[in-house]
Amino acid sequence: MHPNPWVEAHAALSLIAFGAWGLSCVAGIMFLVQERQLKSQHPSPIFHHLPPISLLAEVTVRLLWVGFILLTISFIAGFLANLVISGMKFWSSLALWGLYFIILLMHRGRLISDHRLAMFSMGVFLLALLILPCLHYFSIHL
């Protein structure tokens, strides 16, 4: 049996998408630290080693878009590979994709601040870290 290149593309793009979202989580944490330091009367030494807060906000948004686009392409590759779409892993991945899409639309429409964007970026990624391994475990053991 020959390996299906669409399955390989689907898996690779999914991993890279979640990697981009992980990096957006890190950028969001850095944004919040920088924001707190700017509001502080006595910033700590880390303040001078962090990138400018405006750059951190831009990086967070770009990484969210990169992850969203890559997971979209990953879904398309999965459909082209005729992968089964009835499992909980698919539906939870689709829900995470939808959450990121809503966050991006709200930010683009200026409905949320950069602070909230950083919080949502961290929250949804941490949710993914909790949900996806559990789904993988239960899909194997049940």
N, C-alpha and C. Protein backbone atom coordinates (compact mmCIF):
# COMPACT_ATOMS: atom_id res chain seq x y z
N MET A 1 0.84 -1.18 0.00
CA MET A 1 0.00 0.00 0.00
C MET A 1 0.90 1.25 0.00
N HIS A 2 0.64 2.14 -0.92
CA HIS A 2 1.42 3.37 -1.05
C HIS A 2 0.88 4.43 -0.10
N PRO A 3 1.77 5.23 0.48
CA PRO A 3 1.30 6.31 1.35
C PRO A 3 0.54 7.35 0.54
N ASN A 4 -0.50 7.88 1.13
CA ASN A 4 -1.32 8.89 0.48
C ASN A 4 -0.72 10.27 0.77
N PRO A 5 -0.29 11.00 -0.27
CA PRO A 5 0.32 12.31 -0.02
C PRO A 5 -0.65 13.31 0.61
N TRP A 6 -1.95 13.14 0.37
CA TRP A 6 -2.93 14.05 0.97
C TRP A 6 -3.01 13.85 2.48
N VAL A 7 -2.87 12.60 2.92
CA VAL A 7 -2.86 12.32 4.36
C VAL A 7 -1.62 12.94 4.99
N GLU A 8 -0.48 12.78 4.31
CA GLU A 8 0.76 13.37 4.83
C GLU A 8 0.66 14.89 4.89
N ALA A 9 0.10 15.49 3.86
CA ALA A 9 -0.08 16.95 3.84
C ALA A 9 -1.02 17.39 4.96
N HIS A 10 -2.11 16.63 5.13
CA HIS A 10 -3.08 16.93 6.18
C HIS A 10 -2.41 16.92 7.55
N ALA A 11 -1.65 15.88 7.84
CA ALA A 11 -1.00 15.76 9.15
C ALA A 11 0.05 16.85 9.35
N ALA A 12 0.88 17.08 8.34
CA ALA A 12 1.94 18.08 8.47
C ALA A 12 1.36 19.48 8.64
N LEU A 13 0.37 19.82 7.84
CA LEU A 13 -0.23 21.16 7.93
C LEU A 13 -0.95 21.37 9.26
N SER A 14 -1.58 20.31 9.76
CA SER A 14 -2.24 20.41 11.07
C SER A 14 -1.23 20.71 12.17
N LEU A 15 -0.12 19.99 12.15
CA LEU A 15 0.92 20.21 13.16
C LEU A 15 1.49 21.62 13.08
N ILE A 16 1.74 22.08 11.86
CA ILE A 16 2.30 23.43 11.70
C ILE A 16 1.28 24.49 12.13
N ALA A 17 -0.01 24.24 11.84
CA ALA A 17 -1.06 25.18 12.25
C ALA A 17 -1.09 25.31 13.77
N PHE A 18 -1.07 24.17 14.45
CA PHE A 18 -1.10 24.23 15.92
C PHE A 18 0.20 24.81 16.47
N GLY A 19 1.30 24.61 15.75
CA GLY A 19 2.56 25.26 16.15
C GLY A 19 2.46 26.77 16.05
N ALA A 20 1.83 27.26 14.99
CA ALA A 20 1.64 28.71 14.83
C ALA A 20 0.76 29.24 15.96
N TRP A 21 -0.29 28.49 16.30
CA TRP A 21 -1.16 28.92 17.39
C TRP A 21 -0.44 28.87 18.73
N GLY A 22 0.46 27.90 18.89
CA GLY A 22 1.27 27.86 20.11
C GLY A 22 2.18 29.07 20.22
N LEU A 23 2.77 29.45 19.09
CA LEU A 23 3.61 30.64 19.09
C LEU A 23 2.79 31.91 19.33
N SER A 24 1.55 31.93 18.83
CA SER A 24 0.69 33.09 19.09
C SER A 24 0.35 33.16 20.58
N CYS A 25 0.23 32.02 21.22
CA CYS A 25 0.01 31.98 22.67
C CYS A 25 1.21 32.59 23.39
N VAL A 26 2.41 32.21 22.98
CA VAL A 26 3.63 32.75 23.59
C VAL A 26 3.72 34.26 23.34
N ALA A 27 3.41 34.70 22.13
CA ALA A 27 3.43 36.13 21.83
C ALA A 27 2.38 36.87 22.67
N GLY A 28 1.24 36.22 22.88
CA GLY A 28 0.20 36.81 23.73
C GLY A 28 0.67 36.97 25.17
N ILE A 29 1.36 35.95 25.67
CA ILE A 29 1.92 36.04 27.03
C ILE A 29 2.92 37.19 27.11
N MET A 30 3.78 37.28 26.11
CA MET A 30 4.77 38.36 26.09
C MET A 30 4.08 39.73 26.02
N PHE A 31 3.00 39.81 25.24
CA PHE A 31 2.23 41.06 25.14
C PHE A 31 1.70 41.46 26.51
N LEU A 32 1.10 40.50 27.22
CA LEU A 32 0.52 40.80 28.53
C LEU A 32 1.59 41.19 29.55
N VAL A 33 2.74 40.53 29.49
CA VAL A 33 3.85 40.90 30.38
C VAL A 33 4.31 42.32 30.07
N GLN A 34 4.48 42.61 28.79
CA GLN A 34 4.93 43.95 28.38
C GLN A 34 3.90 45.01 28.78
N GLU A 35 2.62 44.69 28.59
CA GLU A 35 1.56 45.63 28.96
C GLU A 35 1.59 45.92 30.46
N ARG A 36 1.77 44.88 31.24
CA ARG A 36 1.84 45.05 32.70
C ARG A 36 3.06 45.89 33.09
N GLN A 37 4.17 45.64 32.42
CA GLN A 37 5.38 46.41 32.71
C GLN A 37 5.21 47.88 32.35
N LEU A 38 4.51 48.16 31.26
CA LEU A 38 4.28 49.55 30.86
C LEU A 38 3.40 50.29 31.87
N LYS A 39 2.45 49.57 32.48
CA LYS A 39 1.56 50.18 33.46
C LYS A 39 2.22 50.31 34.83
N SER A 40 3.27 49.55 35.05
CA SER A 40 3.95 49.54 36.34
C SER A 40 4.77 50.81 36.54
N GLN A 41 4.83 51.26 37.76
CA GLN A 41 5.67 52.42 38.08
C GLN A 41 7.15 52.05 38.13
N HIS A 42 7.42 50.77 38.38
CA HIS A 42 8.80 50.29 38.49
C HIS A 42 8.97 49.04 37.64
N PRO A 43 9.18 49.20 36.33
CA PRO A 43 9.31 48.01 35.46
C PRO A 43 10.55 47.19 35.84
N SER A 44 10.40 45.89 35.70
CA SER A 44 11.51 44.99 36.02
C SER A 44 12.51 44.97 34.86
N PRO A 45 13.67 44.38 35.07
CA PRO A 45 14.69 44.33 34.01
C PRO A 45 14.22 43.61 32.73
N ILE A 46 13.24 42.71 32.86
CA ILE A 46 12.76 42.00 31.66
C ILE A 46 12.12 42.97 30.67
N PHE A 47 11.62 44.08 31.17
CA PHE A 47 10.96 45.08 30.32
C PHE A 47 11.84 45.49 29.14
N HIS A 48 13.12 45.63 29.37
CA HIS A 48 14.03 46.11 28.33
C HIS A 48 14.44 45.02 27.34
N HIS A 49 14.07 43.78 27.63
CA HIS A 49 14.45 42.67 26.75
C HIS A 49 13.29 42.20 25.87
N LEU A 50 12.09 42.70 26.13
CA LEU A 50 10.93 42.30 25.34
C LEU A 50 10.78 43.20 24.12
N PRO A 51 10.23 42.65 23.03
CA PRO A 51 9.95 43.49 21.86
C PRO A 51 8.89 44.55 22.19
N PRO A 52 8.77 45.58 21.38
CA PRO A 52 7.73 46.59 21.60
C PRO A 52 6.34 45.95 21.60
N ILE A 53 5.47 46.50 22.41
CA ILE A 53 4.13 45.92 22.57
C ILE A 53 3.35 45.92 21.26
N SER A 54 3.53 46.94 20.42
CA SER A 54 2.81 46.98 19.14
C SER A 54 3.27 45.84 18.23
N LEU A 55 4.55 45.52 18.27
CA LEU A 55 5.07 44.41 17.47
C LEU A 55 4.51 43.08 17.98
N LEU A 56 4.41 42.92 19.29
CA LEU A 56 3.86 41.69 19.86
C LEU A 56 2.40 41.50 19.46
N ALA A 57 1.64 42.59 19.42
CA ALA A 57 0.24 42.51 18.98
C ALA A 57 0.16 42.08 17.52
N GLU A 58 1.01 42.66 16.67
CA GLU A 58 1.02 42.29 15.25
C GLU A 58 1.42 40.83 15.05
N VAL A 59 2.43 40.40 15.78
CA VAL A 59 2.90 39.01 15.66
C VAL A 59 1.80 38.04 16.09
N THR A 60 1.10 38.37 17.17
CA THR A 60 0.01 37.51 17.64
C THR A 60 -1.05 37.35 16.55
N VAL A 61 -1.44 38.45 15.94
CA VAL A 61 -2.47 38.40 14.88
C VAL A 61 -1.97 37.60 13.68
N ARG A 62 -0.75 37.88 13.25
CA ARG A 62 -0.20 37.16 12.08
C ARG A 62 -0.15 35.66 12.33
N LEU A 63 0.31 35.27 13.50
CA LEU A 63 0.40 33.84 13.81
C LEU A 63 -0.98 33.19 13.90
N LEU A 64 -1.96 33.92 14.40
CA LEU A 64 -3.33 33.39 14.41
C LEU A 64 -3.82 33.16 12.99
N TRP A 65 -3.57 34.11 12.09
CA TRP A 65 -3.97 33.94 10.69
C TRP A 65 -3.23 32.79 10.02
N VAL A 66 -1.93 32.68 10.27
CA VAL A 66 -1.15 31.58 9.68
C VAL A 66 -1.72 30.24 10.12
N GLY A 67 -1.98 30.09 11.42
CA GLY A 67 -2.56 28.84 11.91
C GLY A 67 -3.93 28.56 11.31
N PHE A 68 -4.75 29.60 11.21
CA PHE A 68 -6.09 29.44 10.64
C PHE A 68 -6.03 29.00 9.18
N ILE A 69 -5.20 29.66 8.40
CA ILE A 69 -5.08 29.33 6.97
C ILE A 69 -4.52 27.92 6.79
N LEU A 70 -3.49 27.57 7.56
CA LEU A 70 -2.90 26.24 7.43
C LEU A 70 -3.87 25.14 7.84
N LEU A 71 -4.66 25.36 8.90
CA LEU A 71 -5.62 24.33 9.28
C LEU A 71 -6.74 24.22 8.24
N THR A 72 -7.10 25.34 7.62
CA THR A 72 -8.08 25.30 6.54
C THR A 72 -7.57 24.44 5.39
N ILE A 73 -6.33 24.66 4.99
CA ILE A 73 -5.73 23.85 3.91
C ILE A 73 -5.61 22.40 4.35
N SER A 74 -5.31 22.18 5.63
CA SER A 74 -5.22 20.82 6.17
C SER A 74 -6.57 20.10 6.06
N PHE A 75 -7.65 20.80 6.37
CA PHE A 75 -8.98 20.21 6.23
C PHE A 75 -9.24 19.82 4.77
N ILE A 76 -8.87 20.70 3.86
CA ILE A 76 -9.06 20.41 2.43
C ILE A 76 -8.26 19.18 2.03
N ALA A 77 -7.01 19.09 2.50
CA ALA A 77 -6.18 17.91 2.20
C ALA A 77 -6.81 16.65 2.79
N GLY A 78 -7.39 16.76 3.98
CA GLY A 78 -8.07 15.62 4.59
C GLY A 78 -9.27 15.17 3.77
N PHE A 79 -10.03 16.12 3.24
CA PHE A 79 -11.16 15.76 2.38
C PHE A 79 -10.68 15.09 1.10
N LEU A 80 -9.60 15.61 0.52
CA LEU A 80 -9.05 15.02 -0.70
C LEU A 80 -8.49 13.62 -0.45
N ALA A 81 -8.08 13.36 0.79
CA ALA A 81 -7.57 12.03 1.15
C ALA A 81 -8.69 11.07 1.52
N ASN A 82 -9.93 11.57 1.48
CA ASN A 82 -11.10 10.77 1.85
C ASN A 82 -11.03 10.28 3.29
N LEU A 83 -10.53 11.12 4.18
CA LEU A 83 -10.47 10.75 5.59
C LEU A 83 -11.88 10.80 6.18
N VAL A 84 -12.13 9.96 7.16
CA VAL A 84 -13.43 9.90 7.83
C VAL A 84 -13.62 11.19 8.63
N ILE A 85 -14.80 11.80 8.49
CA ILE A 85 -15.05 13.06 9.18
C ILE A 85 -16.08 12.92 10.30
N SER A 86 -16.33 11.72 10.74
CA SER A 86 -17.36 11.53 11.76
C SER A 86 -16.81 11.50 13.18
N GLY A 87 -15.51 11.46 13.33
CA GLY A 87 -14.93 11.32 14.67
C GLY A 87 -14.94 12.60 15.46
N MET A 88 -14.83 12.44 16.78
CA MET A 88 -14.79 13.60 17.66
C MET A 88 -13.55 14.46 17.42
N LYS A 89 -12.46 13.85 16.95
CA LYS A 89 -11.25 14.62 16.68
C LYS A 89 -11.53 15.66 15.59
N PHE A 90 -12.26 15.25 14.56
CA PHE A 90 -12.59 16.19 13.49
C PHE A 90 -13.47 17.31 14.01
N TRP A 91 -14.53 16.96 14.75
CA TRP A 91 -15.48 17.97 15.20
C TRP A 91 -14.86 18.93 16.21
N SER A 92 -13.98 18.42 17.06
CA SER A 92 -13.32 19.33 18.01
C SER A 92 -12.31 20.22 17.28
N SER A 93 -11.62 19.67 16.28
CA SER A 93 -10.70 20.50 15.49
C SER A 93 -11.47 21.57 14.73
N LEU A 94 -12.62 21.20 14.21
CA LEU A 94 -13.46 22.17 13.51
C LEU A 94 -13.95 23.25 14.47
N ALA A 95 -14.29 22.86 15.69
CA ALA A 95 -14.74 23.84 16.69
C ALA A 95 -13.60 24.80 17.04
N LEU A 96 -12.38 24.28 17.21
CA LEU A 96 -11.23 25.15 17.49
C LEU A 96 -10.97 26.09 16.31
N TRP A 97 -11.06 25.55 15.10
CA TRP A 97 -10.91 26.36 13.89
C TRP A 97 -11.94 27.50 13.91
N GLY A 98 -13.18 27.16 14.26
CA GLY A 98 -14.24 28.16 14.33
C GLY A 98 -13.99 29.21 15.40
N LEU A 99 -13.49 28.78 16.55
CA LEU A 99 -13.17 29.74 17.62
C LEU A 99 -12.09 30.72 17.16
N TYR A 100 -11.05 30.19 16.53
CA TYR A 100 -9.99 31.09 16.04
C TYR A 100 -10.54 32.03 14.97
N PHE A 101 -11.42 31.53 14.12
CA PHE A 101 -12.01 32.37 13.08
C PHE A 101 -12.82 33.51 13.70
N ILE A 102 -13.60 33.19 14.72
CA ILE A 102 -14.40 34.22 15.40
C ILE A 102 -13.49 35.26 16.05
N ILE A 103 -12.43 34.80 16.70
CA ILE A 103 -11.47 35.73 17.32
C ILE A 103 -10.87 36.66 16.27
N LEU A 104 -10.47 36.08 15.14
CA LEU A 104 -9.87 36.90 14.08
C LEU A 104 -10.87 37.89 13.49
N LEU A 105 -12.11 37.46 13.30
CA LEU A 105 -13.14 38.38 12.78
C LEU A 105 -13.42 39.50 13.77
N MET A 106 -13.49 39.15 15.05
CA MET A 106 -13.75 40.18 16.07
C MET A 106 -12.60 41.18 16.13
N HIS A 107 -11.38 40.70 16.00
CA HIS A 107 -10.23 41.62 16.03
C HIS A 107 -10.21 42.48 14.77
N ARG A 108 -10.49 41.86 13.63
CA ARG A 108 -10.49 42.61 12.37
C ARG A 108 -11.57 43.69 12.37
N GLY A 109 -12.72 43.37 12.98
CA GLY A 109 -13.80 44.35 13.10
C GLY A 109 -13.63 45.31 14.26
N ARG A 110 -12.49 45.24 14.92
CA ARG A 110 -12.15 46.09 16.06
C ARG A 110 -13.15 45.94 17.21
N LEU A 111 -13.67 44.72 17.37
CA LEU A 111 -14.60 44.45 18.46
C LEU A 111 -13.88 44.01 19.73
N ILE A 112 -12.61 43.62 19.60
CA ILE A 112 -11.82 43.27 20.77
C ILE A 112 -10.47 43.99 20.70
N SER A 113 -9.95 44.29 21.85
CA SER A 113 -8.66 44.99 21.95
C SER A 113 -7.51 43.99 21.78
N ASP A 114 -6.31 44.53 21.66
CA ASP A 114 -5.14 43.67 21.58
C ASP A 114 -4.98 42.86 22.87
N HIS A 115 -5.36 43.45 23.99
CA HIS A 115 -5.29 42.74 25.28
C HIS A 115 -6.20 41.51 25.25
N ARG A 116 -7.43 41.70 24.81
CA ARG A 116 -8.36 40.56 24.74
C ARG A 116 -7.91 39.54 23.70
N LEU A 117 -7.34 40.02 22.61
CA LEU A 117 -6.82 39.11 21.59
C LEU A 117 -5.76 38.19 22.20
N ALA A 118 -4.86 38.78 22.98
CA ALA A 118 -3.82 37.98 23.65
C ALA A 118 -4.45 36.97 24.60
N MET A 119 -5.45 37.41 25.35
CA MET A 119 -6.13 36.50 26.29
C MET A 119 -6.84 35.36 25.55
N PHE A 120 -7.56 35.69 24.48
CA PHE A 120 -8.26 34.66 23.71
C PHE A 120 -7.27 33.71 23.04
N SER A 121 -6.18 34.25 22.53
CA SER A 121 -5.16 33.41 21.90
C SER A 121 -4.64 32.38 22.89
N MET A 122 -4.35 32.82 24.09
CA MET A 122 -3.86 31.91 25.13
C MET A 122 -4.94 30.93 25.54
N GLY A 123 -6.14 31.42 25.76
CA GLY A 123 -7.23 30.57 26.24
C GLY A 123 -7.60 29.46 25.28
N VAL A 124 -7.74 29.80 24.01
CA VAL A 124 -8.13 28.78 23.03
C VAL A 124 -7.01 27.77 22.83
N PHE A 125 -5.76 28.23 22.84
CA PHE A 125 -4.66 27.28 22.68
C PHE A 125 -4.57 26.34 23.88
N LEU A 126 -4.74 26.87 25.08
CA LEU A 126 -4.73 26.01 26.27
C LEU A 126 -5.90 25.03 26.24
N LEU A 127 -7.05 25.47 25.75
CA LEU A 127 -8.20 24.58 25.57
C LEU A 127 -7.84 23.45 24.61
N ALA A 128 -7.18 23.79 23.52
CA ALA A 128 -6.75 22.77 22.55
C ALA A 128 -5.78 21.79 23.20
N LEU A 129 -4.87 22.30 24.02
CA LEU A 129 -3.92 21.42 24.70
C LEU A 129 -4.61 20.45 25.65
N LEU A 130 -5.74 20.85 26.19
CA LEU A 130 -6.50 19.97 27.08
C LEU A 130 -7.38 18.99 26.32
N ILE A 131 -8.03 19.46 25.28
CA ILE A 131 -9.04 18.65 24.58
C ILE A 131 -8.42 17.61 23.64
N LEU A 132 -7.53 18.02 22.78
CA LEU A 132 -7.05 17.11 21.73
C LEU A 132 -6.34 15.87 22.25
N PRO A 133 -5.47 15.96 23.26
CA PRO A 133 -4.87 14.71 23.77
C PRO A 133 -5.90 13.77 24.39
N CYS A 134 -6.90 14.33 25.06
CA CYS A 134 -7.96 13.49 25.64
C CYS A 134 -8.73 12.77 24.54
N LEU A 135 -9.06 13.49 23.48
CA LEU A 135 -9.78 12.87 22.37
C LEU A 135 -8.95 11.77 21.73
N HIS A 136 -7.67 12.02 21.57
CA HIS A 136 -6.79 11.00 20.99
C HIS A 136 -6.76 9.76 21.87
N TYR A 137 -6.64 9.96 23.18
CA TYR A 137 -6.59 8.83 24.12
C TYR A 137 -7.88 8.02 24.04
N PHE A 138 -9.03 8.70 24.09
CA PHE A 138 -10.30 7.98 24.09
C PHE A 138 -10.60 7.34 22.74
N SER A 139 -10.10 7.93 21.66
CA SER A 139 -10.34 7.32 20.34
C SER A 139 -9.56 6.02 20.20
N ILE A 140 -8.44 5.89 20.91
CA ILE A 140 -7.64 4.66 20.86
C ILE A 140 -8.17 3.61 21.83
N HIS A 141 -8.58 4.03 23.03
CA HIS A 141 -8.91 3.08 24.10
C HIS A 141 -10.39 2.74 24.21
N LEU A 142 -11.23 3.36 23.45
CA LEU A 142 -12.66 3.02 23.53
C LEU A 142 -13.14 2.33 22.29
